[in-house]
Amino acid sequence: MLIFCLILAVLCGWLRGGTLGNIGTMRLKNSVFILLGLGLNIGITFIGATGNDLVLQYINELYILSYVFLLIGIAFNVKYRAMIVIGLGTLANAVVFLVNRGVPISIEGLRMSGQGVLADLVSSGEKLLYVPLSEATKIPIFSKMITVQIEIPFENIYSFGDIAIMVGLFALVQFIMLNDQMERFVRLR
């Protein structure tokens, strides 16, 4: 999801006359927190999918820790307005995960997007990170229930938090690539 969004943002920024080199001039404070959070999140996804017992045993704790690192990193960089949007999306995803003890996901949405195998795993409780979206779900509006039925890379079902993160990331890349033209929108004064 994020890689596809980044590629699209860079392509649009380039088509609008932006400079890819401007991305290298962006200075994030304490970026190690963002890198740790993303690294943990990606690690959970890929290592957990292989059935690693240690990761599966502590998957919820590792997932929460990844959000803590991400939110700390984002908080250090709210001078970029787009980081506020990314932070709100990240916070929404973290809160819905915490209150439901898993990421609520629409089983019907998974089936509609051609992910029947994942829908069966979530329904049976075998997918530890996800829980089925049901009437018992707390804050269901932030659940993964927005289904995209076109062929795009990566997953096809999103939450409002995911959408906010993608919009914020797209805007951040645009603003940085078009730095000279968009400076007033990038930084809070």
N, C-alpha and C. Protein backbone atom coordinates (compact mmCIF):
# COMPACT_ATOMS: atom_id res chain seq x y z
N MET A 1 0.82 -1.18 0.00
CA MET A 1 0.00 0.00 0.00
C MET A 1 0.87 1.25 0.00
N LEU A 2 1.79 1.36 0.94
CA LEU A 2 2.63 2.55 1.03
C LEU A 2 3.59 2.68 -0.15
N ILE A 3 4.11 1.56 -0.61
CA ILE A 3 5.05 1.60 -1.74
C ILE A 3 4.33 2.09 -2.99
N PHE A 4 3.13 1.57 -3.25
CA PHE A 4 2.35 2.00 -4.39
C PHE A 4 2.03 3.49 -4.30
N CYS A 5 1.67 3.94 -3.11
CA CYS A 5 1.37 5.36 -2.89
C CYS A 5 2.60 6.23 -3.12
N LEU A 6 3.76 5.77 -2.64
CA LEU A 6 5.00 6.52 -2.84
C LEU A 6 5.37 6.63 -4.32
N ILE A 7 5.25 5.52 -5.03
CA ILE A 7 5.57 5.52 -6.46
C ILE A 7 4.65 6.49 -7.20
N LEU A 8 3.36 6.42 -6.88
CA LEU A 8 2.39 7.32 -7.52
C LEU A 8 2.67 8.78 -7.18
N ALA A 9 3.01 9.05 -5.93
CA ALA A 9 3.31 10.42 -5.50
C ALA A 9 4.54 10.97 -6.21
N VAL A 10 5.59 10.15 -6.30
CA VAL A 10 6.82 10.58 -6.99
C VAL A 10 6.54 10.82 -8.47
N LEU A 11 5.79 9.94 -9.08
CA LEU A 11 5.46 10.09 -10.50
C LEU A 11 4.66 11.38 -10.74
N CYS A 12 3.64 11.61 -9.90
CA CYS A 12 2.84 12.84 -10.05
C CYS A 12 3.68 14.08 -9.78
N GLY A 13 4.54 14.03 -8.77
CA GLY A 13 5.42 15.16 -8.48
C GLY A 13 6.36 15.46 -9.63
N TRP A 14 6.89 14.41 -10.24
CA TRP A 14 7.78 14.58 -11.39
C TRP A 14 7.03 15.17 -12.58
N LEU A 15 5.81 14.66 -12.84
CA LEU A 15 5.00 15.18 -13.95
C LEU A 15 4.61 16.64 -13.74
N ARG A 16 4.51 17.06 -12.50
CA ARG A 16 4.17 18.44 -12.18
C ARG A 16 5.40 19.35 -12.16
N GLY A 17 6.55 18.81 -12.51
CA GLY A 17 7.76 19.62 -12.57
C GLY A 17 8.57 19.62 -11.29
N GLY A 18 8.25 18.72 -10.40
CA GLY A 18 8.99 18.64 -9.14
C GLY A 18 10.35 18.00 -9.31
N THR A 19 11.17 18.12 -8.29
CA THR A 19 12.52 17.59 -8.32
C THR A 19 12.63 16.45 -7.31
N LEU A 20 13.04 15.30 -7.80
CA LEU A 20 13.22 14.13 -6.94
C LEU A 20 14.29 14.40 -5.89
N GLY A 21 15.29 15.20 -6.25
CA GLY A 21 16.36 15.53 -5.33
C GLY A 21 15.89 16.27 -4.08
N ASN A 22 14.75 16.93 -4.15
CA ASN A 22 14.22 17.63 -2.98
C ASN A 22 13.88 16.67 -1.84
N ILE A 23 13.55 15.43 -2.19
CA ILE A 23 13.22 14.46 -1.15
C ILE A 23 14.43 14.23 -0.26
N GLY A 24 15.61 14.25 -0.84
CA GLY A 24 16.83 14.08 -0.06
C GLY A 24 17.13 15.24 0.87
N THR A 25 16.54 16.40 0.60
CA THR A 25 16.78 17.56 1.46
C THR A 25 15.82 17.63 2.64
N MET A 26 14.81 16.76 2.65
CA MET A 26 13.85 16.75 3.76
C MET A 26 14.54 16.26 5.02
N ARG A 27 14.42 17.01 6.07
CA ARG A 27 15.06 16.66 7.34
C ARG A 27 14.01 16.27 8.37
N LEU A 28 13.91 14.96 8.61
CA LEU A 28 13.00 14.47 9.64
C LEU A 28 13.76 14.39 10.96
N LYS A 29 13.15 14.89 12.00
CA LYS A 29 13.75 14.78 13.33
C LYS A 29 13.50 13.37 13.86
N ASN A 30 14.51 12.81 14.47
CA ASN A 30 14.41 11.48 15.09
C ASN A 30 13.74 10.47 14.17
N SER A 31 14.18 10.42 12.94
CA SER A 31 13.58 9.52 11.95
C SER A 31 13.77 8.05 12.33
N VAL A 32 14.64 7.78 13.28
CA VAL A 32 14.87 6.41 13.71
C VAL A 32 13.57 5.79 14.24
N PHE A 33 12.71 6.60 14.86
CA PHE A 33 11.44 6.08 15.37
C PHE A 33 10.53 5.64 14.22
N ILE A 34 10.48 6.44 13.16
CA ILE A 34 9.66 6.08 12.00
C ILE A 34 10.21 4.82 11.35
N LEU A 35 11.53 4.75 11.22
CA LEU A 35 12.15 3.56 10.61
C LEU A 35 11.92 2.32 11.46
N LEU A 36 12.03 2.45 12.78
CA LEU A 36 11.76 1.31 13.67
C LEU A 36 10.31 0.85 13.55
N GLY A 37 9.39 1.81 13.54
CA GLY A 37 7.96 1.48 13.45
C GLY A 37 7.63 0.78 12.14
N LEU A 38 8.13 1.33 11.03
CA LEU A 38 7.88 0.71 9.73
C LEU A 38 8.56 -0.66 9.64
N GLY A 39 9.79 -0.74 10.15
CA GLY A 39 10.51 -2.01 10.13
C GLY A 39 9.80 -3.09 10.91
N LEU A 40 9.31 -2.74 12.09
CA LEU A 40 8.56 -3.70 12.90
C LEU A 40 7.28 -4.14 12.19
N ASN A 41 6.57 -3.17 11.63
CA ASN A 41 5.32 -3.47 10.95
C ASN A 41 5.55 -4.40 9.76
N ILE A 42 6.57 -4.11 8.97
CA ILE A 42 6.89 -4.95 7.81
C ILE A 42 7.39 -6.32 8.28
N GLY A 43 8.21 -6.32 9.32
CA GLY A 43 8.71 -7.58 9.87
C GLY A 43 7.60 -8.49 10.37
N ILE A 44 6.63 -7.89 11.05
CA ILE A 44 5.49 -8.66 11.55
C ILE A 44 4.76 -9.31 10.38
N THR A 45 4.56 -8.55 9.33
CA THR A 45 3.83 -9.05 8.17
C THR A 45 4.56 -10.20 7.51
N PHE A 46 5.84 -10.02 7.21
CA PHE A 46 6.56 -11.03 6.45
C PHE A 46 7.04 -12.20 7.31
N ILE A 47 7.60 -11.91 8.47
CA ILE A 47 8.10 -13.00 9.32
C ILE A 47 6.93 -13.76 9.95
N GLY A 48 5.89 -13.02 10.33
CA GLY A 48 4.70 -13.67 10.89
C GLY A 48 4.03 -14.58 9.88
N ALA A 49 4.06 -14.20 8.61
CA ALA A 49 3.44 -15.02 7.55
C ALA A 49 4.17 -16.34 7.36
N THR A 50 5.45 -16.39 7.74
CA THR A 50 6.20 -17.64 7.61
C THR A 50 5.92 -18.60 8.76
N GLY A 51 5.18 -18.13 9.75
CA GLY A 51 4.83 -18.99 10.88
C GLY A 51 5.85 -18.98 12.00
N ASN A 52 6.70 -17.97 12.07
CA ASN A 52 7.70 -17.87 13.14
C ASN A 52 6.99 -17.82 14.49
N ASP A 53 7.27 -18.79 15.35
CA ASP A 53 6.57 -18.92 16.62
C ASP A 53 6.78 -17.73 17.55
N LEU A 54 8.00 -17.20 17.58
CA LEU A 54 8.30 -16.06 18.46
C LEU A 54 7.48 -14.83 18.05
N VAL A 55 7.45 -14.55 16.75
CA VAL A 55 6.68 -13.40 16.25
C VAL A 55 5.19 -13.62 16.50
N LEU A 56 4.70 -14.83 16.22
CA LEU A 56 3.28 -15.11 16.41
C LEU A 56 2.88 -15.03 17.88
N GLN A 57 3.78 -15.41 18.77
CA GLN A 57 3.48 -15.38 20.20
C GLN A 57 3.32 -13.94 20.70
N TYR A 58 4.10 -13.02 20.15
CA TYR A 58 4.08 -11.63 20.60
C TYR A 58 3.58 -10.67 19.52
N ILE A 59 2.77 -11.15 18.60
CA ILE A 59 2.37 -10.34 17.45
C ILE A 59 1.61 -9.08 17.86
N ASN A 60 0.71 -9.19 18.83
CA ASN A 60 -0.05 -8.02 19.25
C ASN A 60 0.85 -6.98 19.91
N GLU A 61 1.75 -7.43 20.76
CA GLU A 61 2.67 -6.50 21.43
C GLU A 61 3.59 -5.82 20.43
N LEU A 62 4.10 -6.58 19.47
CA LEU A 62 4.99 -6.02 18.44
C LEU A 62 4.24 -5.02 17.57
N TYR A 63 2.99 -5.32 17.26
CA TYR A 63 2.18 -4.42 16.44
C TYR A 63 1.93 -3.11 17.18
N ILE A 64 1.61 -3.18 18.46
CA ILE A 64 1.41 -1.98 19.27
C ILE A 64 2.71 -1.18 19.35
N LEU A 65 3.83 -1.87 19.57
CA LEU A 65 5.13 -1.21 19.64
C LEU A 65 5.45 -0.49 18.33
N SER A 66 5.10 -1.10 17.20
CA SER A 66 5.34 -0.44 15.91
C SER A 66 4.56 0.86 15.82
N TYR A 67 3.32 0.87 16.31
CA TYR A 67 2.52 2.09 16.30
C TYR A 67 3.07 3.14 17.27
N VAL A 68 3.57 2.71 18.40
CA VAL A 68 4.17 3.65 19.35
C VAL A 68 5.36 4.35 18.70
N PHE A 69 6.25 3.56 18.08
CA PHE A 69 7.40 4.15 17.40
C PHE A 69 6.97 5.11 16.29
N LEU A 70 6.00 4.70 15.48
CA LEU A 70 5.53 5.56 14.40
C LEU A 70 4.95 6.87 14.93
N LEU A 71 4.12 6.78 15.95
CA LEU A 71 3.49 8.00 16.49
C LEU A 71 4.52 8.94 17.13
N ILE A 72 5.53 8.38 17.78
CA ILE A 72 6.60 9.22 18.34
C ILE A 72 7.35 9.93 17.20
N GLY A 73 7.70 9.18 16.16
CA GLY A 73 8.40 9.77 15.02
C GLY A 73 7.58 10.84 14.33
N ILE A 74 6.30 10.60 14.18
CA ILE A 74 5.40 11.58 13.55
C ILE A 74 5.29 12.82 14.43
N ALA A 75 5.18 12.63 15.74
CA ALA A 75 5.05 13.77 16.67
C ALA A 75 6.26 14.70 16.58
N PHE A 76 7.44 14.14 16.36
CA PHE A 76 8.64 14.97 16.22
C PHE A 76 8.64 15.78 14.93
N ASN A 77 7.77 15.43 13.99
CA ASN A 77 7.82 16.05 12.67
C ASN A 77 6.51 16.70 12.24
N VAL A 78 5.71 17.15 13.19
CA VAL A 78 4.44 17.78 12.85
C VAL A 78 4.61 19.15 12.21
N LYS A 79 5.85 19.62 12.07
CA LYS A 79 6.06 20.89 11.36
C LYS A 79 5.61 20.75 9.90
N TYR A 80 5.61 19.52 9.40
CA TYR A 80 5.07 19.24 8.08
C TYR A 80 3.58 18.94 8.24
N ARG A 81 2.74 19.75 7.65
CA ARG A 81 1.30 19.59 7.82
C ARG A 81 0.82 18.20 7.40
N ALA A 82 1.40 17.66 6.37
CA ALA A 82 0.98 16.34 5.91
C ALA A 82 1.22 15.28 6.98
N MET A 83 2.21 15.49 7.84
CA MET A 83 2.48 14.55 8.94
C MET A 83 1.32 14.50 9.92
N ILE A 84 0.58 15.58 10.04
CA ILE A 84 -0.58 15.59 10.92
C ILE A 84 -1.63 14.61 10.38
N VAL A 85 -1.84 14.63 9.08
CA VAL A 85 -2.80 13.71 8.45
C VAL A 85 -2.32 12.27 8.59
N ILE A 86 -1.03 12.05 8.35
CA ILE A 86 -0.45 10.71 8.51
C ILE A 86 -0.60 10.25 9.97
N GLY A 87 -0.35 11.16 10.90
CA GLY A 87 -0.47 10.84 12.32
C GLY A 87 -1.90 10.50 12.72
N LEU A 88 -2.87 11.23 12.19
CA LEU A 88 -4.27 10.94 12.51
C LEU A 88 -4.67 9.57 11.97
N GLY A 89 -4.23 9.24 10.76
CA GLY A 89 -4.52 7.92 10.20
C GLY A 89 -3.86 6.81 11.00
N THR A 90 -2.63 7.04 11.40
CA THR A 90 -1.90 6.05 12.21
C THR A 90 -2.57 5.87 13.56
N LEU A 91 -2.96 6.97 14.17
CA LEU A 91 -3.65 6.92 15.47
C LEU A 91 -4.98 6.18 15.36
N ALA A 92 -5.73 6.44 14.29
CA ALA A 92 -7.01 5.75 14.09
C ALA A 92 -6.79 4.24 13.98
N ASN A 93 -5.79 3.83 13.21
CA ASN A 93 -5.50 2.40 13.08
C ASN A 93 -5.05 1.79 14.40
N ALA A 94 -4.25 2.52 15.16
CA ALA A 94 -3.78 2.01 16.45
C ALA A 94 -4.92 1.87 17.44
N VAL A 95 -5.79 2.87 17.50
CA VAL A 95 -6.90 2.83 18.46
C VAL A 95 -7.85 1.68 18.15
N VAL A 96 -8.22 1.52 16.88
CA VAL A 96 -9.15 0.44 16.54
C VAL A 96 -8.50 -0.92 16.81
N PHE A 97 -7.20 -1.03 16.63
CA PHE A 97 -6.50 -2.27 16.95
C PHE A 97 -6.55 -2.55 18.45
N LEU A 98 -6.26 -1.52 19.24
CA LEU A 98 -6.22 -1.69 20.70
C LEU A 98 -7.58 -2.05 21.28
N VAL A 99 -8.62 -1.36 20.87
CA VAL A 99 -9.94 -1.60 21.48
C VAL A 99 -10.57 -2.91 21.02
N ASN A 100 -10.11 -3.44 19.89
CA ASN A 100 -10.68 -4.70 19.38
C ASN A 100 -9.72 -5.88 19.52
N ARG A 101 -8.53 -5.63 20.04
CA ARG A 101 -7.50 -6.67 20.19
C ARG A 101 -7.19 -7.37 18.88
N GLY A 102 -7.15 -6.57 17.84
CA GLY A 102 -6.86 -7.05 16.50
C GLY A 102 -7.40 -6.04 15.50
N VAL A 103 -7.01 -6.17 14.26
CA VAL A 103 -7.48 -5.27 13.22
C VAL A 103 -8.81 -5.81 12.69
N PRO A 104 -9.92 -5.10 12.95
CA PRO A 104 -11.20 -5.58 12.42
C PRO A 104 -11.21 -5.44 10.90
N ILE A 105 -11.61 -6.50 10.23
CA ILE A 105 -11.60 -6.51 8.77
C ILE A 105 -12.89 -7.16 8.27
N SER A 106 -13.43 -6.61 7.22
CA SER A 106 -14.67 -7.11 6.64
C SER A 106 -14.42 -8.42 5.89
N ILE A 107 -15.06 -9.48 6.33
CA ILE A 107 -14.93 -10.78 5.67
C ILE A 107 -15.54 -10.69 4.27
N GLU A 108 -16.70 -10.04 4.18
CA GLU A 108 -17.36 -9.86 2.88
C GLU A 108 -16.47 -9.04 1.94
N GLY A 109 -15.83 -7.99 2.48
CA GLY A 109 -14.92 -7.18 1.68
C GLY A 109 -13.74 -7.97 1.16
N LEU A 110 -13.21 -8.86 2.01
CA LEU A 110 -12.11 -9.72 1.57
C LEU A 110 -12.53 -10.61 0.42
N ARG A 111 -13.72 -11.19 0.54
CA ARG A 111 -14.22 -12.07 -0.52
C ARG A 111 -14.47 -11.28 -1.82
N MET A 112 -15.02 -10.06 -1.68
CA MET A 112 -15.30 -9.23 -2.86
C MET A 112 -14.01 -8.83 -3.57
N SER A 113 -12.92 -8.68 -2.81
CA SER A 113 -11.65 -8.27 -3.42
C SER A 113 -10.81 -9.47 -3.85
N GLY A 114 -11.41 -10.66 -3.83
CA GLY A 114 -10.71 -11.85 -4.32
C GLY A 114 -9.75 -12.46 -3.33
N GLN A 115 -9.94 -12.18 -2.05
CA GLN A 115 -9.06 -12.71 -1.02
C GLN A 115 -9.80 -13.72 -0.14
N GLY A 116 -10.40 -14.70 -0.78
CA GLY A 116 -11.20 -15.70 -0.08
C GLY A 116 -10.40 -16.52 0.92
N VAL A 117 -9.15 -16.83 0.59
CA VAL A 117 -8.31 -17.62 1.50
C VAL A 117 -8.07 -16.85 2.80
N LEU A 118 -7.73 -15.56 2.68
CA LEU A 118 -7.53 -14.74 3.87
C LEU A 118 -8.83 -14.61 4.65
N ALA A 119 -9.96 -14.48 3.95
CA ALA A 119 -11.27 -14.40 4.63
C ALA A 119 -11.53 -15.65 5.45
N ASP A 120 -11.20 -16.82 4.91
CA ASP A 120 -11.38 -18.07 5.64
C ASP A 120 -10.47 -18.14 6.86
N LEU A 121 -9.21 -17.69 6.70
CA LEU A 121 -8.27 -17.70 7.83
C LEU A 121 -8.72 -16.77 8.95
N VAL A 122 -9.19 -15.58 8.58
CA VAL A 122 -9.66 -14.62 9.59
C VAL A 122 -10.90 -15.16 10.28
N SER A 123 -11.82 -15.73 9.52
CA SER A 123 -13.06 -16.28 10.09
C SER A 123 -12.78 -17.39 11.09
N SER A 124 -11.77 -18.20 10.79
CA SER A 124 -11.45 -19.33 11.67
C SER A 124 -10.55 -18.93 12.83
N GLY A 125 -10.08 -17.69 12.85
CA GLY A 125 -9.22 -17.23 13.94
C GLY A 125 -7.76 -17.55 13.74
N GLU A 126 -7.40 -18.05 12.58
CA GLU A 126 -6.00 -18.43 12.32
C GLU A 126 -5.11 -17.25 11.98
N LYS A 127 -5.67 -16.14 11.59
CA LYS A 127 -4.90 -14.95 11.24
C LYS A 127 -4.90 -14.06 12.48
N LEU A 128 -3.85 -14.12 13.28
CA LEU A 128 -3.85 -13.52 14.61
C LEU A 128 -3.96 -12.00 14.62
N LEU A 129 -3.52 -11.35 13.58
CA LEU A 129 -3.53 -9.89 13.54
C LEU A 129 -4.92 -9.33 13.25
N TYR A 130 -5.74 -10.09 12.53
CA TYR A 130 -7.06 -9.63 12.12
C TYR A 130 -8.16 -10.31 12.92
N VAL A 131 -9.25 -9.58 13.12
CA VAL A 131 -10.47 -10.13 13.70
C VAL A 131 -11.61 -9.77 12.76
N PRO A 132 -12.61 -10.64 12.66
CA PRO A 132 -13.72 -10.35 11.75
C PRO A 132 -14.51 -9.12 12.22
N LEU A 133 -14.89 -8.28 11.27
CA LEU A 133 -15.75 -7.13 11.55
C LEU A 133 -17.14 -7.68 11.83
N SER A 134 -17.69 -7.29 12.98
CA SER A 134 -19.01 -7.78 13.37
C SER A 134 -19.74 -6.69 14.14
N GLU A 135 -20.92 -7.01 14.62
CA GLU A 135 -21.68 -6.04 15.41
C GLU A 135 -21.00 -5.75 16.74
N ALA A 136 -20.17 -6.66 17.20
CA ALA A 136 -19.46 -6.46 18.47
C ALA A 136 -18.22 -5.58 18.32
N THR A 137 -17.84 -5.26 17.09
CA THR A 137 -16.65 -4.46 16.84
C THR A 137 -16.83 -3.06 17.40
N LYS A 138 -15.82 -2.61 18.15
CA LYS A 138 -15.83 -1.26 18.69
C LYS A 138 -15.22 -0.31 17.66
N ILE A 139 -15.80 0.86 17.52
CA ILE A 139 -15.39 1.88 16.54
C ILE A 139 -15.28 1.25 15.14
N PRO A 140 -16.37 0.67 14.65
CA PRO A 140 -16.30 -0.03 13.35
C PRO A 140 -15.98 0.89 12.17
N ILE A 141 -16.21 2.18 12.32
CA ILE A 141 -15.94 3.11 11.23
C ILE A 141 -14.45 3.11 10.84
N PHE A 142 -13.56 2.75 11.79
CA PHE A 142 -12.13 2.72 11.51
C PHE A 142 -11.62 1.33 11.12
N SER A 143 -12.53 0.39 10.91
CA SER A 143 -12.16 -0.97 10.51
C SER A 143 -11.77 -1.00 9.03
N LYS A 144 -11.11 -2.08 8.65
CA LYS A 144 -10.78 -2.28 7.23
C LYS A 144 -12.05 -2.77 6.54
N MET A 145 -12.74 -1.85 5.88
CA MET A 145 -14.00 -2.20 5.24
C MET A 145 -14.20 -1.51 3.90
N ILE A 146 -13.24 -0.69 3.48
CA ILE A 146 -13.34 -0.02 2.19
C ILE A 146 -12.70 -0.93 1.16
N THR A 147 -13.53 -1.52 0.34
CA THR A 147 -13.06 -2.51 -0.64
C THR A 147 -12.87 -1.86 -2.00
N VAL A 148 -11.72 -2.11 -2.59
CA VAL A 148 -11.42 -1.63 -3.94
C VAL A 148 -11.40 -2.86 -4.83
N GLN A 149 -12.29 -2.89 -5.83
CA GLN A 149 -12.43 -4.08 -6.65
C GLN A 149 -11.71 -3.98 -7.99
N ILE A 150 -10.70 -3.12 -8.06
CA ILE A 150 -9.89 -3.06 -9.27
C ILE A 150 -8.52 -3.65 -8.94
N GLU A 151 -7.86 -4.13 -9.95
CA GLU A 151 -6.54 -4.73 -9.73
C GLU A 151 -5.50 -3.64 -9.49
N ILE A 152 -5.06 -3.54 -8.26
CA ILE A 152 -3.96 -2.65 -7.90
C ILE A 152 -2.97 -3.45 -7.08
N PRO A 153 -1.75 -3.00 -7.01
CA PRO A 153 -0.76 -3.75 -6.23
C PRO A 153 -1.13 -3.81 -4.74
N PHE A 154 -0.74 -4.87 -4.12
CA PHE A 154 -0.88 -5.06 -2.68
C PHE A 154 -2.33 -5.29 -2.28
N GLU A 155 -2.71 -4.92 -1.08
CA GLU A 155 -4.04 -5.25 -0.59
C GLU A 155 -5.12 -4.38 -1.24
N ASN A 156 -6.36 -4.85 -1.15
CA ASN A 156 -7.46 -4.16 -1.79
C ASN A 156 -8.56 -3.77 -0.80
N ILE A 157 -8.29 -3.83 0.48
CA ILE A 157 -9.28 -3.46 1.48
C ILE A 157 -8.59 -2.55 2.49
N TYR A 158 -9.22 -1.41 2.73
CA TYR A 158 -8.57 -0.36 3.51
C TYR A 158 -9.47 0.16 4.61
N SER A 159 -8.85 0.81 5.58
CA SER A 159 -9.59 1.53 6.63
C SER A 159 -9.48 3.02 6.32
N PHE A 160 -10.28 3.81 7.04
CA PHE A 160 -10.16 5.25 6.87
C PHE A 160 -8.78 5.73 7.31
N GLY A 161 -8.19 5.06 8.30
CA GLY A 161 -6.84 5.38 8.73
C GLY A 161 -5.83 5.14 7.61
N ASP A 162 -5.99 4.01 6.90
CA ASP A 162 -5.10 3.71 5.76
C ASP A 162 -5.21 4.79 4.69
N ILE A 163 -6.45 5.21 4.41
CA ILE A 163 -6.68 6.24 3.39
C ILE A 163 -6.02 7.55 3.83
N ALA A 164 -6.18 7.91 5.10
CA ALA A 164 -5.57 9.15 5.61
C ALA A 164 -4.04 9.08 5.50
N ILE A 165 -3.46 7.94 5.83
CA ILE A 165 -2.00 7.77 5.73
C ILE A 165 -1.56 7.94 4.28
N MET A 166 -2.28 7.32 3.35
CA MET A 166 -1.92 7.42 1.93
C MET A 166 -2.06 8.86 1.42
N VAL A 167 -3.14 9.54 1.80
CA VAL A 167 -3.34 10.94 1.38
C VAL A 167 -2.23 11.82 1.96
N GLY A 168 -1.92 11.63 3.24
CA GLY A 168 -0.87 12.42 3.88
C GLY A 168 0.49 12.16 3.26
N LEU A 169 0.79 10.90 2.98
CA LEU A 169 2.07 10.55 2.36
C LEU A 169 2.17 11.13 0.95
N PHE A 170 1.09 11.02 0.19
CA PHE A 170 1.06 11.58 -1.15
C PHE A 170 1.30 13.09 -1.10
N ALA A 171 0.59 13.77 -0.19
CA ALA A 171 0.74 15.23 -0.06
C ALA A 171 2.16 15.59 0.38
N LEU A 172 2.72 14.84 1.32
CA LEU A 172 4.07 15.13 1.80
C LEU A 172 5.09 15.03 0.66
N VAL A 173 5.00 13.99 -0.13
CA VAL A 173 5.94 13.82 -1.24
C VAL A 173 5.75 14.94 -2.27
N GLN A 174 4.49 15.28 -2.56
CA GLN A 174 4.23 16.37 -3.50
C GLN A 174 4.84 17.67 -3.01
N PHE A 175 4.60 17.98 -1.75
CA PHE A 175 5.09 19.24 -1.18
C PHE A 175 6.60 19.30 -1.17
N ILE A 176 7.23 18.18 -0.86
CA ILE A 176 8.69 18.17 -0.83
C ILE A 176 9.26 18.28 -2.25
N MET A 177 8.69 17.54 -3.20
CA MET A 177 9.21 17.59 -4.57
C MET A 177 9.00 18.96 -5.21
N LEU A 178 7.92 19.64 -4.83
CA LEU A 178 7.62 20.96 -5.38
C LEU A 178 7.97 22.03 -4.35
N ASN A 179 9.03 21.79 -3.60
CA ASN A 179 9.41 22.59 -2.44
C ASN A 179 9.40 24.09 -2.70
N ASP A 180 9.98 24.54 -3.79
CA ASP A 180 10.07 25.97 -4.07
C ASP A 180 8.69 26.59 -4.24
N GLN A 181 7.77 25.88 -4.89
CA GLN A 181 6.45 26.41 -5.18
C GLN A 181 5.49 26.25 -4.00
N MET A 182 5.71 25.27 -3.14
CA MET A 182 4.72 24.91 -2.14
C MET A 182 5.19 25.12 -0.70
N GLU A 183 6.25 25.84 -0.48
CA GLU A 183 6.84 25.98 0.85
C GLU A 183 5.82 26.40 1.91
N ARG A 184 4.92 27.27 1.57
CA ARG A 184 3.98 27.77 2.57
C ARG A 184 3.02 26.70 3.06
N PHE A 185 2.81 25.64 2.25
CA PHE A 185 1.91 24.58 2.66
C PHE A 185 2.61 23.46 3.42
N VAL A 186 3.92 23.42 3.34
CA VAL A 186 4.67 22.31 3.92
C VAL A 186 4.91 22.51 5.41
N ARG A 187 5.34 23.68 5.77
CA ARG A 187 5.75 23.90 7.15
C ARG A 187 4.73 24.75 7.89
N LEU A 188 4.51 24.37 9.13
CA LEU A 188 3.69 25.20 10.00
C LEU A 188 4.57 26.31 10.52
N ARG A 189 4.07 27.47 10.59
CA ARG A 189 4.87 28.61 11.06
C ARG A 189 4.61 28.84 12.52
